[in-house]
Amino acid sequence: MANYELDEICRIRRKISARFDHDVGKLIVHYQVLEREYRKSGKYKFVDPPTEKPKAEKSKNKEAAD
């Protein structure tokens, strides 16, 4: 990615952050509201986190050592 694109991304992120007084809590609430709106619209697909923790698999290296 060229420097122009990175500079543009940083500029936009600073602008959004400034709208919320650079307060992380306010930013999180803003993005949570956006997520709810986007989910309701049905226009975008979301992947929900798994409800269970994945089971730990044995390492092949560990099995080979046993």
PDB file of N, CA and C in Angstrom:
ATOM      1  N   MET A   1       0.858  -1.170   0.000  1.00  0.00           N
ATOM      2  CA  MET A   1       0.000   0.000   0.000  1.00  0.00           C
ATOM      3  C   MET A   1       0.905   1.233   0.000  1.00  0.00           C
ATOM      4  N   ALA A   2       0.583   2.155  -0.828  1.00  0.00           N
ATOM      5  CA  ALA A   2       1.393   3.373  -0.930  1.00  0.00           C
ATOM      6  C   ALA A   2       1.189   4.260   0.299  1.00  0.00           C
ATOM      7  N   ASN A   3       2.146   5.131   0.522  1.00  0.00           N
ATOM      8  CA  ASN A   3       2.056   6.041   1.667  1.00  0.00           C
ATOM      9  C   ASN A   3       0.791   6.885   1.617  1.00  0.00           C
ATOM     10  N   TYR A   4       0.347   7.237   0.413  1.00  0.00           N
ATOM     11  CA  TYR A   4      -0.862   8.051   0.295  1.00  0.00           C
ATOM     12  C   TYR A   4      -2.051   7.365   0.971  1.00  0.00           C
ATOM     13  N   GLU A   5      -2.228   6.062   0.687  1.00  0.00           N
ATOM     14  CA  GLU A   5      -3.361   5.339   1.271  1.00  0.00           C
ATOM     15  C   GLU A   5      -3.244   5.265   2.795  1.00  0.00           C
ATOM     16  N   LEU A   6      -2.050   4.991   3.279  1.00  0.00           N
ATOM     17  CA  LEU A   6      -1.863   4.927   4.734  1.00  0.00           C
ATOM     18  C   LEU A   6      -2.116   6.280   5.389  1.00  0.00           C
ATOM     19  N   ASP A   7      -1.635   7.330   4.768  1.00  0.00           N
ATOM     20  CA  ASP A   7      -1.874   8.676   5.294  1.00  0.00           C
ATOM     21  C   ASP A   7      -3.363   8.989   5.322  1.00  0.00           C
ATOM     22  N   GLU A   8      -4.069   8.575   4.279  1.00  0.00           N
ATOM     23  CA  GLU A   8      -5.515   8.818   4.203  1.00  0.00           C
ATOM     24  C   GLU A   8      -6.243   8.043   5.301  1.00  0.00           C
ATOM     25  N   ILE A   9      -5.868   6.796   5.519  1.00  0.00           N
ATOM     26  CA  ILE A   9      -6.484   5.993   6.577  1.00  0.00           C
ATOM     27  C   ILE A   9      -6.241   6.632   7.939  1.00  0.00           C
ATOM     28  N   CYS A  10      -5.018   7.048   8.191  1.00  0.00           N
ATOM     29  CA  CYS A  10      -4.687   7.697   9.474  1.00  0.00           C
ATOM     30  C   CYS A  10      -5.468   8.991   9.651  1.00  0.00           C
ATOM     31  N   ARG A  11      -5.608   9.764   8.588  1.00  0.00           N
ATOM     32  CA  ARG A  11      -6.345  11.023   8.654  1.00  0.00           C
ATOM     33  C   ARG A  11      -7.800  10.764   9.021  1.00  0.00           C
ATOM     34  N   ILE A  12      -8.398   9.780   8.381  1.00  0.00           N
ATOM     35  CA  ILE A  12      -9.805   9.454   8.649  1.00  0.00           C
ATOM     36  C   ILE A  12      -9.976   8.938  10.072  1.00  0.00           C
ATOM     37  N   ARG A  13      -9.061   8.085  10.530  1.00  0.00           N
ATOM     38  CA  ARG A  13      -9.147   7.562  11.895  1.00  0.00           C
ATOM     39  C   ARG A  13      -9.021   8.675  12.921  1.00  0.00           C
ATOM     40  N   ARG A  14      -8.121   9.637  12.676  1.00  0.00           N
ATOM     41  CA  ARG A  14      -7.976  10.771  13.606  1.00  0.00           C
ATOM     42  C   ARG A  14      -9.244  11.621  13.612  1.00  0.00           C
ATOM     43  N   LYS A  15      -9.847  11.793  12.448  1.00  0.00           N
ATOM     44  CA  LYS A  15     -11.073  12.591  12.342  1.00  0.00           C
ATOM     45  C   LYS A  15     -12.210  11.927  13.136  1.00  0.00           C
ATOM     46  N   ILE A  16     -12.363  10.620  12.978  1.00  0.00           N
ATOM     47  CA  ILE A  16     -13.397   9.891  13.722  1.00  0.00           C
ATOM     48  C   ILE A  16     -13.112   9.970  15.219  1.00  0.00           C
ATOM     49  N   SER A  17     -11.869   9.753  15.605  1.00  0.00           N
ATOM     50  CA  SER A  17     -11.491   9.810  17.021  1.00  0.00           C
ATOM     51  C   SER A  17     -11.788  11.181  17.614  1.00  0.00           C
ATOM     52  N   ALA A  18     -11.498  12.227  16.865  1.00  0.00           N
ATOM     53  CA  ALA A  18     -11.740  13.593  17.350  1.00  0.00           C
ATOM     54  C   ALA A  18     -13.233  13.842  17.577  1.00  0.00           C
ATOM     55  N   ARG A  19     -14.079  13.236  16.748  1.00  0.00           N
ATOM     56  CA  ARG A  19     -15.531  13.407  16.917  1.00  0.00           C
ATOM     57  C   ARG A  19     -15.994  12.912  18.280  1.00  0.00           C
ATOM     58  N   PHE A  20     -15.241  11.982  18.864  1.00  0.00           N
ATOM     59  CA  PHE A  20     -15.612  11.398  20.151  1.00  0.00           C
ATOM     60  C   PHE A  20     -14.606  11.775  21.232  1.00  0.00           C
ATOM     61  N   ASP A  21     -13.978  12.932  21.060  1.00  0.00           N
ATOM     62  CA  ASP A  21     -13.041  13.484  22.043  1.00  0.00           C
ATOM     63  C   ASP A  21     -11.900  12.517  22.372  1.00  0.00           C
ATOM     64  N   HIS A  22     -11.535  11.681  21.438  1.00  0.00           N
ATOM     65  CA  HIS A  22     -10.453  10.703  21.603  1.00  0.00           C
ATOM     66  C   HIS A  22     -10.690   9.804  22.820  1.00  0.00           C
ATOM     67  N   ASP A  23     -11.965   9.570  23.115  1.00  0.00           N
ATOM     68  CA  ASP A  23     -12.371   8.733  24.245  1.00  0.00           C
ATOM     69  C   ASP A  23     -12.674   7.326  23.728  1.00  0.00           C
ATOM     70  N   VAL A  24     -11.878   6.347  24.158  1.00  0.00           N
ATOM     71  CA  VAL A  24     -12.033   4.979  23.666  1.00  0.00           C
ATOM     72  C   VAL A  24     -13.418   4.430  23.978  1.00  0.00           C
ATOM     73  N   GLY A  25     -13.931   4.721  25.155  1.00  0.00           N
ATOM     74  CA  GLY A  25     -15.260   4.242  25.534  1.00  0.00           C
ATOM     75  C   GLY A  25     -16.338   4.747  24.599  1.00  0.00           C
ATOM     76  N   LYS A  26     -16.271   6.026  24.255  1.00  0.00           N
ATOM     77  CA  LYS A  26     -17.247   6.608  23.319  1.00  0.00           C
ATOM     78  C   LYS A  26     -17.115   5.984  21.935  1.00  0.00           C
ATOM     79  N   LEU A  27     -15.870   5.730  21.515  1.00  0.00           N
ATOM     80  CA  LEU A  27     -15.652   5.096  20.211  1.00  0.00           C
ATOM     81  C   LEU A  27     -16.248   3.692  20.181  1.00  0.00           C
ATOM     82  N   ILE A  28     -16.056   2.931  21.250  1.00  0.00           N
ATOM     83  CA  ILE A  28     -16.590   1.574  21.306  1.00  0.00           C
ATOM     84  C   ILE A  28     -18.111   1.598  21.203  1.00  0.00           C
ATOM     85  N   VAL A  29     -18.743   2.490  21.950  1.00  0.00           N
ATOM     86  CA  VAL A  29     -20.205   2.597  21.896  1.00  0.00           C
ATOM     87  C   VAL A  29     -20.647   2.963  20.484  1.00  0.00           C
ATOM     88  N   HIS A  30     -19.954   3.887  19.848  1.00  0.00           N
ATOM     89  CA  HIS A  30     -20.272   4.297  18.478  1.00  0.00           C
ATOM     90  C   HIS A  30     -20.221   3.096  17.529  1.00  0.00           C
ATOM     91  N   TYR A  31     -19.147   2.314  17.618  1.00  0.00           N
ATOM     92  CA  TYR A  31     -19.005   1.170  16.720  1.00  0.00           C
ATOM     93  C   TYR A  31     -20.000   0.061  17.050  1.00  0.00           C
ATOM     94  N   GLN A  32     -20.389  -0.083  18.308  1.00  0.00           N
ATOM     95  CA  GLN A  32     -21.399  -1.069  18.671  1.00  0.00           C
ATOM     96  C   GLN A  32     -22.760  -0.686  18.089  1.00  0.00           C
ATOM     97  N   VAL A  33     -23.073   0.607  18.126  1.00  0.00           N
ATOM     98  CA  VAL A  33     -24.332   1.088  17.541  1.00  0.00           C
ATOM     99  C   VAL A  33     -24.321   0.846  16.033  1.00  0.00           C
ATOM    100  N   LEU A  34     -23.202   1.169  15.384  1.00  0.00           N
ATOM    101  CA  LEU A  34     -23.085   0.931  13.941  1.00  0.00           C
ATOM    102  C   LEU A  34     -23.268  -0.552  13.618  1.00  0.00           C
ATOM    103  N   GLU A  35     -22.659  -1.413  14.428  1.00  0.00           N
ATOM    104  CA  GLU A  35     -22.793  -2.853  14.184  1.00  0.00           C
ATOM    105  C   GLU A  35     -24.247  -3.282  14.252  1.00  0.00           C
ATOM    106  N   ARG A  36     -24.977  -2.816  15.275  1.00  0.00           N
ATOM    107  CA  ARG A  36     -26.392  -3.172  15.398  1.00  0.00           C
ATOM    108  C   ARG A  36     -27.180  -2.698  14.183  1.00  0.00           C
ATOM    109  N   GLU A  37     -26.901  -1.476  13.727  1.00  0.00           N
ATOM    110  CA  GLU A  37     -27.602  -0.941  12.560  1.00  0.00           C
ATOM    111  C   GLU A  37     -27.292  -1.758  11.313  1.00  0.00           C
ATOM    112  N   TYR A  38     -26.029  -2.102  11.119  1.00  0.00           N
ATOM    113  CA  TYR A  38     -25.634  -2.886   9.948  1.00  0.00           C
ATOM    114  C   TYR A  38     -26.227  -4.285   9.989  1.00  0.00           C
ATOM    115  N   ARG A  39     -26.292  -4.878  11.176  1.00  0.00           N
ATOM    116  CA  ARG A  39     -26.900  -6.207  11.297  1.00  0.00           C
ATOM    117  C   ARG A  39     -28.384  -6.149  10.944  1.00  0.00           C
ATOM    118  N   LYS A  40     -29.079  -5.123  11.430  1.00  0.00           N
ATOM    119  CA  LYS A  40     -30.508  -4.990  11.154  1.00  0.00           C
ATOM    120  C   LYS A  40     -30.779  -4.782   9.670  1.00  0.00           C
ATOM    121  N   SER A  41     -29.876  -4.091   8.987  1.00  0.00           N
ATOM    122  CA  SER A  41     -30.093  -3.791   7.573  1.00  0.00           C
ATOM    123  C   SER A  41     -30.086  -5.049   6.720  1.00  0.00           C
ATOM    124  N   GLY A  42     -29.365  -6.086   7.147  1.00  0.00           N
ATOM    125  CA  GLY A  42     -29.276  -7.312   6.378  1.00  0.00           C
ATOM    126  C   GLY A  42     -28.365  -7.185   5.161  1.00  0.00           C
ATOM    127  N   LYS A  43     -27.768  -6.043   4.992  1.00  0.00           N
ATOM    128  CA  LYS A  43     -26.916  -5.799   3.828  1.00  0.00           C
ATOM    129  C   LYS A  43     -25.538  -6.438   3.987  1.00  0.00           C
ATOM    130  N   TYR A  44     -25.123  -6.637   5.216  1.00  0.00           N
ATOM    131  CA  TYR A  44     -23.785  -7.152   5.491  1.00  0.00           C
ATOM    132  C   TYR A  44     -23.880  -8.482   6.225  1.00  0.00           C
ATOM    133  N   LYS A  45     -22.869  -9.325   6.046  1.00  0.00           N
ATOM    134  CA  LYS A  45     -22.807 -10.604   6.748  1.00  0.00           C
ATOM    135  C   LYS A  45     -21.841 -10.466   7.916  1.00  0.00           C
ATOM    136  N   PHE A  46     -22.213 -11.038   9.032  1.00  0.00           N
ATOM    137  CA  PHE A  46     -21.376 -11.017  10.229  1.00  0.00           C
ATOM    138  C   PHE A  46     -21.106 -12.449  10.669  1.00  0.00           C
ATOM    139  N   VAL A  47     -19.944 -12.674  11.204  1.00  0.00           N
ATOM    140  CA  VAL A  47     -19.597 -13.970  11.768  1.00  0.00           C
ATOM    141  C   VAL A  47     -19.529 -13.786  13.274  1.00  0.00           C
ATOM    142  N   ASP A  48     -20.371 -14.513  13.980  1.00  0.00           N
ATOM    143  CA  ASP A  48     -20.386 -14.417  15.433  1.00  0.00           C
ATOM    144  C   ASP A  48     -19.273 -15.273  16.010  1.00  0.00           C
ATOM    145  N   PRO A  49     -18.715 -14.853  17.152  1.00  0.00           N
ATOM    146  CA  PRO A  49     -17.669 -15.663  17.775  1.00  0.00           C
ATOM    147  C   PRO A  49     -18.238 -17.011  18.209  1.00  0.00           C
ATOM    148  N   PRO A  50     -17.408 -18.041  18.258  1.00  0.00           N
ATOM    149  CA  PRO A  50     -17.908 -19.353  18.682  1.00  0.00           C
ATOM    150  C   PRO A  50     -18.408 -19.301  20.119  1.00  0.00           C
ATOM    151  N   THR A  51     -19.410 -20.113  20.399  1.00  0.00           N
ATOM    152  CA  THR A  51     -19.982 -20.123  21.753  1.00  0.00           C
ATOM    153  C   THR A  51     -19.166 -21.012  22.689  1.00  0.00           C
ATOM    154  N   GLU A  52     -18.381 -21.927  22.118  1.00  0.00           N
ATOM    155  CA  GLU A  52     -17.543 -22.809  22.926  1.00  0.00           C
ATOM    156  C   GLU A  52     -16.078 -22.529  22.644  1.00  0.00           C
ATOM    157  N   LYS A  53     -15.253 -22.789  23.646  1.00  0.00           N
ATOM    158  CA  LYS A  53     -13.816 -22.683  23.427  1.00  0.00           C
ATOM    159  C   LYS A  53     -13.380 -23.884  22.602  1.00  0.00           C
ATOM    160  N   PRO A  54     -12.496 -23.666  21.638  1.00  0.00           N
ATOM    161  CA  PRO A  54     -12.008 -24.818  20.875  1.00  0.00           C
ATOM    162  C   PRO A  54     -11.183 -25.739  21.774  1.00  0.00           C
ATOM    163  N   LYS A  55     -11.313 -27.027  21.533  1.00  0.00           N
ATOM    164  CA  LYS A  55     -10.562 -27.992  22.326  1.00  0.00           C
ATOM    165  C   LYS A  55      -9.106 -27.960  21.894  1.00  0.00           C
ATOM    166  N   ALA A  56      -8.228 -28.034  22.864  1.00  0.00           N
ATOM    167  CA  ALA A  56      -6.798 -28.025  22.566  1.00  0.00           C
ATOM    168  C   ALA A  56      -6.424 -29.342  21.898  1.00  0.00           C
ATOM    169  N   GLU A  57      -5.696 -29.223  20.797  1.00  0.00           N
ATOM    170  CA  GLU A  57      -5.237 -30.422  20.100  1.00  0.00           C
ATOM    171  C   GLU A  57      -3.813 -30.725  20.521  1.00  0.00           C
ATOM    172  N   LYS A  58      -3.488 -32.004  20.537  1.00  0.00           N
ATOM    173  CA  LYS A  58      -2.119 -32.393  20.863  1.00  0.00           C
ATOM    174  C   LYS A  58      -1.212 -32.009  19.710  1.00  0.00           C
ATOM    175  N   SER A  59      -0.069 -31.502  20.053  1.00  0.00           N
ATOM    176  CA  SER A  59       0.925 -31.139  19.054  1.00  0.00           C
ATOM    177  C   SER A  59       1.516 -32.396  18.440  1.00  0.00           C
ATOM    178  N   LYS A  60       1.714 -32.398  17.133  1.00  0.00           N
ATOM    179  CA  LYS A  60       2.326 -33.545  16.469  1.00  0.00           C
ATOM    180  C   LYS A  60       3.741 -33.771  16.972  1.00  0.00           C
ATOM    181  N   ASN A  61       4.437 -32.683  17.249  1.00  0.00           N
ATOM    182  CA  ASN A  61       5.800 -32.809  17.766  1.00  0.00           C
ATOM    183  C   ASN A  61       5.801 -33.481  19.129  1.00  0.00           C
ATOM    184  N   LYS A  62       4.835 -33.145  19.951  1.00  0.00           N
ATOM    185  CA  LYS A  62       4.753 -33.746  21.283  1.00  0.00           C
ATOM    186  C   LYS A  62       4.421 -35.224  21.185  1.00  0.00           C
ATOM    187  N   GLU A  63       3.526 -35.587  20.261  1.00  0.00           N
ATOM    188  CA  GLU A  63       3.152 -36.991  20.086  1.00  0.00           C
ATOM    189  C   GLU A  63       4.348 -37.791  19.591  1.00  0.00           C
ATOM    190  N   ALA A  64       5.136 -37.194  18.692  1.00  0.00           N
ATOM    191  CA  ALA A  64       6.298 -37.876  18.149  1.00  0.00           C
ATOM    192  C   ALA A  64       7.340 -38.117  19.231  1.00  0.00           C
ATOM    193  N   ALA A  65       7.421 -37.214  20.198  1.00  0.00           N
ATOM    194  CA  ALA A  65       8.402 -37.348  21.264  1.00  0.00           C
ATOM    195  C   ALA A  65       7.996 -38.420  22.269  1.00  0.00           C
ATOM    196  N   ASP A  66       6.679 -38.706  22.366  1.00  0.00           N
ATOM    197  CA  ASP A  66       6.185 -39.688  23.345  1.00  0.00           C
ATOM    198  C   ASP A  66       6.414 -41.096  22.929  1.00  0.00           C
TER     199      ASP A  66
END
